[in-house]
């Protein structure tokens, strides 16, 4: 059974980093934003990474920014349709990968986002063509990042987990995967069997987990134990070699108490399973 890591997430705000470091996490995930990709922003990000490494944390993930000028950084973006967004996605990923190679880190990129997917899908003749283009972009970044990049599942019709044929297609591309439990659960409207099947089928290629609870209806990012996911069933299916964080919505971004409470909840389940 996988040993559960105390994995916490923060931006580059010094108050957030100080808060997270007081718990001595084993895994630290930086949630980057558009502002981190100016010259000064990248310098601050590099300094924040060194602060975390100096605290003795070697397992660090850089989460690609979610938005640029209000638009989601959707890999479906066509250069000829939205050139500025396309260039930002490309350059920001390259910037993160440079840090990852230099400092032995990991970069996490979303395979898709759900909130604007319809806008991007409308630029393609069919879902099949959009999916093919998505894999082309994923292949591009996979080749650039190699063992320093991973791709996270969405709720959208593009790059989600739980459909056997799509899962097998993803496996055939040999991607390193990040698995968000809530995204998969919501995608299948609270289907526990679908979540467990996906965890099992993709297990060998999963290198990182976002352990998040959900009611299985909308994107809610709940503290573990406050949704409908059966964590007793999930825990034995996790890849023992993978890292994890608890990506929970916080009431206060400078206080990770909901993330820490989720860790404690799962550790209790882990301990009970050994009795």
C-alpha atoms as a PDB file:
ATOM      1  CA  UNK A   1       0.000   0.000   0.000  1.00  0.00           C
ATOM      2  CA  UNK A   2       1.228   3.490  -0.854  1.00  0.00           C
ATOM      3  CA  UNK A   3       2.633   5.567   1.968  1.00  0.00           C
ATOM      4  CA  UNK A   4       0.607   8.758   2.023  1.00  0.00           C
ATOM      5  CA  UNK A   5       2.699  11.898   1.709  1.00  0.00           C
ATOM      6  CA  UNK A   6       1.948  15.163   3.404  1.00  0.00           C
ATOM      7  CA  UNK A   7       1.725  17.067   0.148  1.00  0.00           C
ATOM      8  CA  UNK A   8       0.750  20.727   0.185  1.00  0.00           C
ATOM      9  CA  UNK A   9       0.062  23.315  -2.484  1.00  0.00           C
ATOM     10  CA  UNK A  10       0.812  27.051  -2.523  1.00  0.00           C
ATOM     11  CA  UNK A  11       1.473  29.982  -4.771  1.00  0.00           C
ATOM     12  CA  UNK A  12       4.642  32.047  -4.620  1.00  0.00           C
ATOM     13  CA  UNK A  13       3.195  34.374  -1.963  1.00  0.00           C
ATOM     14  CA  UNK A  14       5.731  34.305   0.916  1.00  0.00           C
ATOM     15  CA  UNK A  15       2.908  34.051   3.481  1.00  0.00           C
ATOM     16  CA  UNK A  16       1.578  30.918   1.804  1.00  0.00           C
ATOM     17  CA  UNK A  17       5.018  29.335   1.609  1.00  0.00           C
ATOM     18  CA  UNK A  18       5.771  30.115   5.278  1.00  0.00           C
ATOM     19  CA  UNK A  19       2.454  28.592   6.288  1.00  0.00           C
ATOM     20  CA  UNK A  20       3.064  25.377   4.328  1.00  0.00           C
ATOM     21  CA  UNK A  21       6.645  24.931   5.509  1.00  0.00           C
ATOM     22  CA  UNK A  22       5.625  24.935   9.171  1.00  0.00           C
ATOM     23  CA  UNK A  23       4.080  21.496   8.559  1.00  0.00           C
ATOM     24  CA  UNK A  24       7.308  20.090   7.045  1.00  0.00           C
ATOM     25  CA  UNK A  25       5.582  18.573   3.998  1.00  0.00           C
ATOM     26  CA  UNK A  26       7.252  15.823   1.984  1.00  0.00           C
ATOM     27  CA  UNK A  27       5.795  17.121  -1.304  1.00  0.00           C
ATOM     28  CA  UNK A  28       5.320  20.758  -2.337  1.00  0.00           C
ATOM     29  CA  UNK A  29       3.360  21.846  -5.391  1.00  0.00           C
ATOM     30  CA  UNK A  30       3.658  25.408  -6.651  1.00  0.00           C
ATOM     31  CA  UNK A  31       0.476  26.710  -8.215  1.00  0.00           C
ATOM     32  CA  UNK A  32       1.851  29.185 -10.733  1.00  0.00           C
ATOM     33  CA  UNK A  33       0.001  32.144 -12.233  1.00  0.00           C
ATOM     34  CA  UNK A  34       0.402  34.390 -15.265  1.00  0.00           C
ATOM     35  CA  UNK A  35       2.338  36.915 -13.170  1.00  0.00           C
ATOM     36  CA  UNK A  36       5.059  34.345 -12.444  1.00  0.00           C
ATOM     37  CA  UNK A  37       6.221  34.450 -16.067  1.00  0.00           C
ATOM     38  CA  UNK A  38       7.618  37.950 -16.284  1.00  0.00           C
ATOM     39  CA  UNK A  39      11.363  38.337 -15.825  1.00  0.00           C
ATOM     40  CA  UNK A  40      10.872  39.343 -12.180  1.00  0.00           C
ATOM     41  CA  UNK A  41       8.176  36.717 -11.690  1.00  0.00           C
ATOM     42  CA  UNK A  42      10.442  33.893 -12.839  1.00  0.00           C
ATOM     43  CA  UNK A  43      13.186  35.183 -10.562  1.00  0.00           C
ATOM     44  CA  UNK A  44      10.800  35.161  -7.586  1.00  0.00           C
ATOM     45  CA  UNK A  45       9.613  31.669  -8.512  1.00  0.00           C
ATOM     46  CA  UNK A  46      13.200  30.402  -8.642  1.00  0.00           C
ATOM     47  CA  UNK A  47      13.904  31.960  -5.237  1.00  0.00           C
ATOM     48  CA  UNK A  48      10.739  30.394  -3.784  1.00  0.00           C
ATOM     49  CA  UNK A  49      11.817  26.997  -5.106  1.00  0.00           C
ATOM     50  CA  UNK A  50      15.193  27.389  -3.410  1.00  0.00           C
ATOM     51  CA  UNK A  51      13.472  28.325  -0.148  1.00  0.00           C
ATOM     52  CA  UNK A  52      11.440  25.120  -0.284  1.00  0.00           C
ATOM     53  CA  UNK A  53      14.488  23.033  -1.208  1.00  0.00           C
ATOM     54  CA  UNK A  54      16.456  24.613   1.649  1.00  0.00           C
ATOM     55  CA  UNK A  55      13.694  23.377   3.976  1.00  0.00           C
ATOM     56  CA  UNK A  56      14.665  19.837   2.985  1.00  0.00           C
ATOM     57  CA  UNK A  57      11.894  19.189   0.459  1.00  0.00           C
ATOM     58  CA  UNK A  58      13.118  17.527  -2.726  1.00  0.00           C
ATOM     59  CA  UNK A  59       9.790  16.486  -4.259  1.00  0.00           C
ATOM     60  CA  UNK A  60       8.579  19.696  -5.895  1.00  0.00           C
ATOM     61  CA  UNK A  61       5.972  20.038  -8.641  1.00  0.00           C
ATOM     62  CA  UNK A  62       5.369  23.174 -10.718  1.00  0.00           C
ATOM     63  CA  UNK A  63       1.718  23.427 -11.769  1.00  0.00           C
ATOM     64  CA  UNK A  64       1.311  25.172 -15.123  1.00  0.00           C
ATOM     65  CA  UNK A  65      -0.773  28.386 -14.887  1.00  0.00           C
ATOM     66  CA  UNK A  66      -4.495  27.910 -15.356  1.00  0.00           C
ATOM     67  CA  UNK A  67      -5.281  31.214 -17.099  1.00  0.00           C
ATOM     68  CA  UNK A  68      -3.779  33.869 -19.310  1.00  0.00           C
ATOM     69  CA  UNK A  69      -5.589  37.213 -19.723  1.00  0.00           C
ATOM     70  CA  UNK A  70      -8.785  35.551 -18.505  1.00  0.00           C
ATOM     71  CA  UNK A  71      -8.654  32.580 -20.877  1.00  0.00           C
ATOM     72  CA  UNK A  72      -7.856  29.053 -19.750  1.00  0.00           C
ATOM     73  CA  UNK A  73      -4.537  27.678 -20.949  1.00  0.00           C
ATOM     74  CA  UNK A  74      -6.274  24.998 -23.005  1.00  0.00           C
ATOM     75  CA  UNK A  75      -3.986  22.780 -25.083  1.00  0.00           C
ATOM     76  CA  UNK A  76      -6.655  22.832 -27.816  1.00  0.00           C
ATOM     77  CA  UNK A  77      -5.653  26.439 -28.516  1.00  0.00           C
ATOM     78  CA  UNK A  78      -4.929  26.916 -32.220  1.00  0.00           C
ATOM     79  CA  UNK A  79      -2.029  29.215 -33.027  1.00  0.00           C
ATOM     80  CA  UNK A  80      -3.831  30.766 -36.000  1.00  0.00           C
ATOM     81  CA  UNK A  81      -6.969  31.490 -33.944  1.00  0.00           C
ATOM     82  CA  UNK A  82      -5.505  32.682 -30.622  1.00  0.00           C
ATOM     83  CA  UNK A  83      -1.793  33.366 -31.249  1.00  0.00           C
ATOM     84  CA  UNK A  84      -1.090  35.226 -28.002  1.00  0.00           C
ATOM     85  CA  UNK A  85      -2.596  32.496 -25.817  1.00  0.00           C
ATOM     86  CA  UNK A  86      -0.850  29.797 -27.858  1.00  0.00           C
ATOM     87  CA  UNK A  87       2.517  31.521 -27.439  1.00  0.00           C
ATOM     88  CA  UNK A  88       1.983  31.957 -23.700  1.00  0.00           C
ATOM     89  CA  UNK A  89       1.166  28.255 -23.254  1.00  0.00           C
ATOM     90  CA  UNK A  90       4.278  27.330 -25.208  1.00  0.00           C
ATOM     91  CA  UNK A  91       6.675  29.751 -23.517  1.00  0.00           C
ATOM     92  CA  UNK A  92       5.387  29.268 -19.969  1.00  0.00           C
ATOM     93  CA  UNK A  93       5.746  25.500 -20.322  1.00  0.00           C
ATOM     94  CA  UNK A  94       9.280  25.942 -21.632  1.00  0.00           C
ATOM     95  CA  UNK A  95      10.080  28.254 -18.707  1.00  0.00           C
ATOM     96  CA  UNK A  96       8.828  25.693 -16.188  1.00  0.00           C
ATOM     97  CA  UNK A  97      10.677  22.873 -17.903  1.00  0.00           C
ATOM     98  CA  UNK A  98      13.904  24.878 -17.808  1.00  0.00           C
ATOM     99  CA  UNK A  99      13.473  25.197 -14.045  1.00  0.00           C
ATOM    100  CA  UNK A 100      12.612  21.506 -13.810  1.00  0.00           C
ATOM    101  CA  UNK A 101      15.732  20.411 -15.669  1.00  0.00           C
ATOM    102  CA  UNK A 102      17.962  22.839 -13.784  1.00  0.00           C
ATOM    103  CA  UNK A 103      16.624  22.033 -10.316  1.00  0.00           C
ATOM    104  CA  UNK A 104      15.420  18.414 -10.692  1.00  0.00           C
ATOM    105  CA  UNK A 105      11.704  19.216 -10.401  1.00  0.00           C
ATOM    106  CA  UNK A 106       8.466  18.099 -12.015  1.00  0.00           C
ATOM    107  CA  UNK A 107       6.069  20.094 -14.210  1.00  0.00           C
ATOM    108  CA  UNK A 108       2.331  19.408 -14.254  1.00  0.00           C
ATOM    109  CA  UNK A 109       0.278  20.430 -17.305  1.00  0.00           C
ATOM    110  CA  UNK A 110      -3.491  20.029 -17.622  1.00  0.00           C
ATOM    111  CA  UNK A 111      -4.518  17.904 -20.594  1.00  0.00           C
ATOM    112  CA  UNK A 112      -7.620  20.088 -20.832  1.00  0.00           C
ATOM    113  CA  UNK A 113      -9.938  22.347 -18.852  1.00  0.00           C
ATOM    114  CA  UNK A 114     -13.700  22.080 -18.667  1.00  0.00           C
ATOM    115  CA  UNK A 115     -14.941  25.647 -18.239  1.00  0.00           C
ATOM    116  CA  UNK A 116     -14.106  26.941 -21.718  1.00  0.00           C
ATOM    117  CA  UNK A 117     -13.797  23.680 -23.618  1.00  0.00           C
ATOM    118  CA  UNK A 118     -16.877  24.332 -25.757  1.00  0.00           C
ATOM    119  CA  UNK A 119     -15.290  27.551 -27.043  1.00  0.00           C
ATOM    120  CA  UNK A 120     -12.166  25.691 -28.142  1.00  0.00           C
ATOM    121  CA  UNK A 121     -14.026  22.647 -29.477  1.00  0.00           C
ATOM    122  CA  UNK A 122     -16.047  24.949 -31.747  1.00  0.00           C
ATOM    123  CA  UNK A 123     -12.835  25.623 -33.697  1.00  0.00           C
ATOM    124  CA  UNK A 124     -12.683  21.980 -34.827  1.00  0.00           C
ATOM    125  CA  UNK A 125     -14.910  20.064 -37.245  1.00  0.00           C
ATOM    126  CA  UNK A 126     -15.410  17.216 -34.799  1.00  0.00           C
ATOM    127  CA  UNK A 127     -14.546  15.924 -31.355  1.00  0.00           C
ATOM    128  CA  UNK A 128     -12.311  13.332 -33.011  1.00  0.00           C
ATOM    129  CA  UNK A 129     -10.228  16.037 -34.710  1.00  0.00           C
ATOM    130  CA  UNK A 130     -10.007  18.013 -31.492  1.00  0.00           C
ATOM    131  CA  UNK A 131      -8.867  14.915 -29.610  1.00  0.00           C
ATOM    132  CA  UNK A 132      -6.240  14.155 -32.249  1.00  0.00           C
ATOM    133  CA  UNK A 133      -4.917  17.718 -32.006  1.00  0.00           C
ATOM    134  CA  UNK A 134      -4.869  17.443 -28.212  1.00  0.00           C
ATOM    135  CA  UNK A 135      -2.705  14.321 -28.411  1.00  0.00           C
ATOM    136  CA  UNK A 136      -0.417  16.101 -30.876  1.00  0.00           C
ATOM    137  CA  UNK A 137       0.149  18.896 -28.345  1.00  0.00           C
ATOM    138  CA  UNK A 138       0.590  16.424 -25.483  1.00  0.00           C
ATOM    139  CA  UNK A 139       3.146  14.490 -27.547  1.00  0.00           C
ATOM    140  CA  UNK A 140       5.013  17.743 -28.187  1.00  0.00           C
ATOM    141  CA  UNK A 141       5.331  18.590 -24.501  1.00  0.00           C
ATOM    142  CA  UNK A 142       5.979  14.964 -23.549  1.00  0.00           C
ATOM    143  CA  UNK A 143       8.974  14.950 -25.893  1.00  0.00           C
ATOM    144  CA  UNK A 144      10.262  18.244 -24.466  1.00  0.00           C
ATOM    145  CA  UNK A 145       9.757  17.328 -20.813  1.00  0.00           C
ATOM    146  CA  UNK A 146      10.536  13.612 -20.816  1.00  0.00           C
ATOM    147  CA  UNK A 147      10.855  12.509 -17.162  1.00  0.00           C
ATOM    148  CA  UNK A 148      10.138  16.040 -15.915  1.00  0.00           C
ATOM    149  CA  UNK A 149       6.555  16.436 -17.135  1.00  0.00           C
ATOM    150  CA  UNK A 150       3.180  14.920 -16.294  1.00  0.00           C
ATOM    151  CA  UNK A 151      -0.366  15.489 -17.568  1.00  0.00           C
ATOM    152  CA  UNK A 152      -3.491  15.859 -15.434  1.00  0.00           C
ATOM    153  CA  UNK A 153      -6.991  14.617 -16.245  1.00  0.00           C
ATOM    154  CA  UNK A 154      -9.896  16.946 -16.920  1.00  0.00           C
ATOM    155  CA  UNK A 155     -13.677  16.867 -16.652  1.00  0.00           C
ATOM    156  CA  UNK A 156     -14.038  18.056 -20.258  1.00  0.00           C
ATOM    157  CA  UNK A 157     -14.586  15.802 -23.303  1.00  0.00           C
ATOM    158  CA  UNK A 158     -10.824  16.013 -23.890  1.00  0.00           C
ATOM    159  CA  UNK A 159      -8.229  14.079 -21.864  1.00  0.00           C
ATOM    160  CA  UNK A 160     -10.297  12.582 -19.080  1.00  0.00           C
ATOM    161  CA  UNK A 161      -9.893   9.240 -17.312  1.00  0.00           C
ATOM    162  CA  UNK A 162     -12.308   6.345 -16.942  1.00  0.00           C
ATOM    163  CA  UNK A 163     -13.313   5.524 -20.526  1.00  0.00           C
ATOM    164  CA  UNK A 164     -11.509   2.249 -21.331  1.00  0.00           C
ATOM    165  CA  UNK A 165     -10.727   3.095 -24.967  1.00  0.00           C
ATOM    166  CA  UNK A 166      -9.401   6.573 -24.130  1.00  0.00           C
ATOM    167  CA  UNK A 167      -7.442   5.247 -21.163  1.00  0.00           C
ATOM    168  CA  UNK A 168      -5.784   2.705 -23.439  1.00  0.00           C
ATOM    169  CA  UNK A 169      -5.003   5.429 -25.961  1.00  0.00           C
ATOM    170  CA  UNK A 170      -3.395   7.512 -23.214  1.00  0.00           C
ATOM    171  CA  UNK A 171      -1.358   4.513 -22.053  1.00  0.00           C
ATOM    172  CA  UNK A 172      -0.213   3.876 -25.626  1.00  0.00           C
ATOM    173  CA  UNK A 173       1.365   7.348 -25.680  1.00  0.00           C
ATOM    174  CA  UNK A 174       3.404   6.439 -22.590  1.00  0.00           C
ATOM    175  CA  UNK A 175       2.622   9.722 -20.813  1.00  0.00           C
ATOM    176  CA  UNK A 176       3.499  10.232 -17.180  1.00  0.00           C
ATOM    177  CA  UNK A 177       0.149  10.910 -15.526  1.00  0.00           C
ATOM    178  CA  UNK A 178      -1.221  13.058 -12.714  1.00  0.00           C
ATOM    179  CA  UNK A 179      -4.528  11.712 -11.422  1.00  0.00           C
ATOM    180  CA  UNK A 180      -7.035  14.071  -9.812  1.00  0.00           C
ATOM    181  CA  UNK A 181      -9.537  11.872  -7.977  1.00  0.00           C
ATOM    182  CA  UNK A 182     -12.281  14.495  -7.882  1.00  0.00           C
ATOM    183  CA  UNK A 183     -12.035  15.208 -11.622  1.00  0.00           C
ATOM    184  CA  UNK A 184     -12.550  11.551 -12.461  1.00  0.00           C
ATOM    185  CA  UNK A 185     -15.382  11.203  -9.926  1.00  0.00           C
ATOM    186  CA  UNK A 186     -17.166  14.303 -11.256  1.00  0.00           C
ATOM    187  CA  UNK A 187     -16.650  13.304 -14.886  1.00  0.00           C
ATOM    188  CA  UNK A 188     -18.660  10.143 -14.167  1.00  0.00           C
ATOM    189  CA  UNK A 189     -21.194  11.945 -11.954  1.00  0.00           C
ATOM    190  CA  UNK A 190     -20.196  10.225  -8.748  1.00  0.00           C
ATOM    191  CA  UNK A 191     -19.605   6.716 -10.111  1.00  0.00           C
ATOM    192  CA  UNK A 192     -17.339   4.944  -7.644  1.00  0.00           C
ATOM    193  CA  UNK A 193     -16.809   1.931  -9.962  1.00  0.00           C
ATOM    194  CA  UNK A 194     -15.607   4.216 -12.785  1.00  0.00           C
ATOM    195  CA  UNK A 195     -13.155   5.956 -10.441  1.00  0.00           C
ATOM    196  CA  UNK A 196     -11.774   2.664  -9.121  1.00  0.00           C
ATOM    197  CA  UNK A 197     -11.504   1.183 -12.628  1.00  0.00           C
ATOM    198  CA  UNK A 198      -9.544   4.210 -13.874  1.00  0.00           C
ATOM    199  CA  UNK A 199      -7.227   4.154 -10.856  1.00  0.00           C
ATOM    200  CA  UNK A 200      -6.527   0.485 -11.518  1.00  0.00           C
ATOM    201  CA  UNK A 201      -6.160   0.699 -15.304  1.00  0.00           C
ATOM    202  CA  UNK A 202      -3.806   3.708 -15.276  1.00  0.00           C
ATOM    203  CA  UNK A 203      -1.930   2.864 -12.082  1.00  0.00           C
ATOM    204  CA  UNK A 204       1.389   1.939 -13.675  1.00  0.00           C
ATOM    205  CA  UNK A 205       1.763   5.343 -15.383  1.00  0.00           C
ATOM    206  CA  UNK A 206       0.516   7.546 -12.537  1.00  0.00           C
ATOM    207  CA  UNK A 207       3.363   9.488 -10.948  1.00  0.00           C
ATOM    208  CA  UNK A 208       1.369  12.019  -8.907  1.00  0.00           C
ATOM    209  CA  UNK A 209      -2.062  12.277  -7.302  1.00  0.00           C
ATOM    210  CA  UNK A 210      -4.288  15.182  -6.438  1.00  0.00           C
ATOM    211  CA  UNK A 211      -6.244  13.595  -3.592  1.00  0.00           C
ATOM    212  CA  UNK A 212      -9.489  15.547  -3.452  1.00  0.00           C
ATOM    213  CA  UNK A 213     -13.015  14.676  -2.356  1.00  0.00           C
ATOM    214  CA  UNK A 214     -16.203  15.613  -4.193  1.00  0.00           C
ATOM    215  CA  UNK A 215     -19.959  15.113  -4.225  1.00  0.00           C
ATOM    216  CA  UNK A 216     -19.553  14.026  -7.840  1.00  0.00           C
ATOM    217  CA  UNK A 217     -21.711  16.719  -9.424  1.00  0.00           C
ATOM    218  CA  UNK A 218     -19.666  19.902  -9.939  1.00  0.00           C
ATOM    219  CA  UNK A 219     -16.075  20.978  -9.378  1.00  0.00           C
ATOM    220  CA  UNK A 220     -16.118  21.368  -5.586  1.00  0.00           C
ATOM    221  CA  UNK A 221     -12.605  20.330  -4.367  1.00  0.00           C
ATOM    222  CA  UNK A 222     -13.739  19.162  -0.947  1.00  0.00           C
ATOM    223  CA  UNK A 223     -11.741  18.176   2.086  1.00  0.00           C
ATOM    224  CA  UNK A 224     -11.357  14.409   2.330  1.00  0.00           C
ATOM    225  CA  UNK A 225     -14.253  12.838   4.203  1.00  0.00           C
ATOM    226  CA  UNK A 226     -16.673  15.615   3.239  1.00  0.00           C
ATOM    227  CA  UNK A 227     -17.577  14.192  -0.176  1.00  0.00           C
ATOM    228  CA  UNK A 228     -18.758  10.837  -1.479  1.00  0.00           C
ATOM    229  CA  UNK A 229     -15.490   9.179  -2.505  1.00  0.00           C
ATOM    230  CA  UNK A 230     -14.837   5.924  -0.644  1.00  0.00           C
ATOM    231  CA  UNK A 231     -11.234   6.421   0.462  1.00  0.00           C
ATOM    232  CA  UNK A 232     -11.057   2.950   1.984  1.00  0.00           C
ATOM    233  CA  UNK A 233     -11.504   1.612  -1.562  1.00  0.00           C
ATOM    234  CA  UNK A 234      -9.200   4.166  -3.208  1.00  0.00           C
ATOM    235  CA  UNK A 235      -6.190   3.835  -0.909  1.00  0.00           C
ATOM    236  CA  UNK A 236      -5.135   0.281  -1.883  1.00  0.00           C
ATOM    237  CA  UNK A 237      -5.231   1.202  -5.593  1.00  0.00           C
ATOM    238  CA  UNK A 238      -2.684   4.033  -5.443  1.00  0.00           C
ATOM    239  CA  UNK A 239       0.700   3.606  -7.104  1.00  0.00           C
ATOM    240  CA  UNK A 240       3.260   3.167  -4.327  1.00  0.00           C
ATOM    241  CA  UNK A 241       5.905   5.088  -6.310  1.00  0.00           C
ATOM    242  CA  UNK A 242       3.770   8.184  -6.898  1.00  0.00           C
ATOM    243  CA  UNK A 243       3.735  11.431  -4.947  1.00  0.00           C
ATOM    244  CA  UNK A 244       0.567  13.179  -3.805  1.00  0.00           C
ATOM    245  CA  UNK A 245      -0.822  16.455  -2.574  1.00  0.00           C
ATOM    246  CA  UNK A 246      -4.201  17.418  -1.148  1.00  0.00           C
ATOM    247  CA  UNK A 247      -5.642  19.969  -3.565  1.00  0.00           C
ATOM    248  CA  UNK A 248      -8.450  21.304  -1.397  1.00  0.00           C
ATOM    249  CA  UNK A 249     -10.223  24.673  -1.652  1.00  0.00           C
ATOM    250  CA  UNK A 250      -8.996  26.762   1.290  1.00  0.00           C
ATOM    251  CA  UNK A 251     -11.012  29.330   3.188  1.00  0.00           C
ATOM    252  CA  UNK A 252      -7.796  31.298   3.611  1.00  0.00           C
ATOM    253  CA  UNK A 253      -4.938  30.850   1.124  1.00  0.00           C
ATOM    254  CA  UNK A 254      -2.424  31.574   3.904  1.00  0.00           C
ATOM    255  CA  UNK A 255      -3.768  28.720   6.061  1.00  0.00           C
ATOM    256  CA  UNK A 256      -3.510  25.160   4.739  1.00  0.00           C
ATOM    257  CA  UNK A 257      -5.646  23.643   7.507  1.00  0.00           C
ATOM    258  CA  UNK A 258      -8.067  21.923   5.083  1.00  0.00           C
ATOM    259  CA  UNK A 259      -5.163  20.311   3.227  1.00  0.00           C
ATOM    260  CA  UNK A 260      -3.590  19.132   6.482  1.00  0.00           C
ATOM    261  CA  UNK A 261      -6.939  17.838   7.812  1.00  0.00           C
ATOM    262  CA  UNK A 262      -7.307  15.789   4.616  1.00  0.00           C
ATOM    263  CA  UNK A 263      -3.875  14.266   5.151  1.00  0.00           C
ATOM    264  CA  UNK A 264      -4.755  13.374   8.740  1.00  0.00           C
ATOM    265  CA  UNK A 265      -8.058  11.839   7.597  1.00  0.00           C
ATOM    266  CA  UNK A 266      -6.336   9.577   5.081  1.00  0.00           C
ATOM    267  CA  UNK A 267      -3.532   8.655   7.495  1.00  0.00           C
ATOM    268  CA  UNK A 268      -6.193   7.466   9.941  1.00  0.00           C
ATOM    269  CA  UNK A 269      -7.677   5.233   7.255  1.00  0.00           C
ATOM    270  CA  UNK A 270      -4.186   3.968   6.439  1.00  0.00           C
ATOM    271  CA  UNK A 271      -3.529   3.118  10.103  1.00  0.00           C
ATOM    272  CA  UNK A 272      -6.920   1.438  10.553  1.00  0.00           C
ATOM    273  CA  UNK A 273      -6.263  -0.747   7.524  1.00  0.00           C
ATOM    274  CA  UNK A 274      -3.178  -2.155   9.235  1.00  0.00           C
ATOM    275  CA  UNK A 275      -5.038  -3.184  12.404  1.00  0.00           C
END
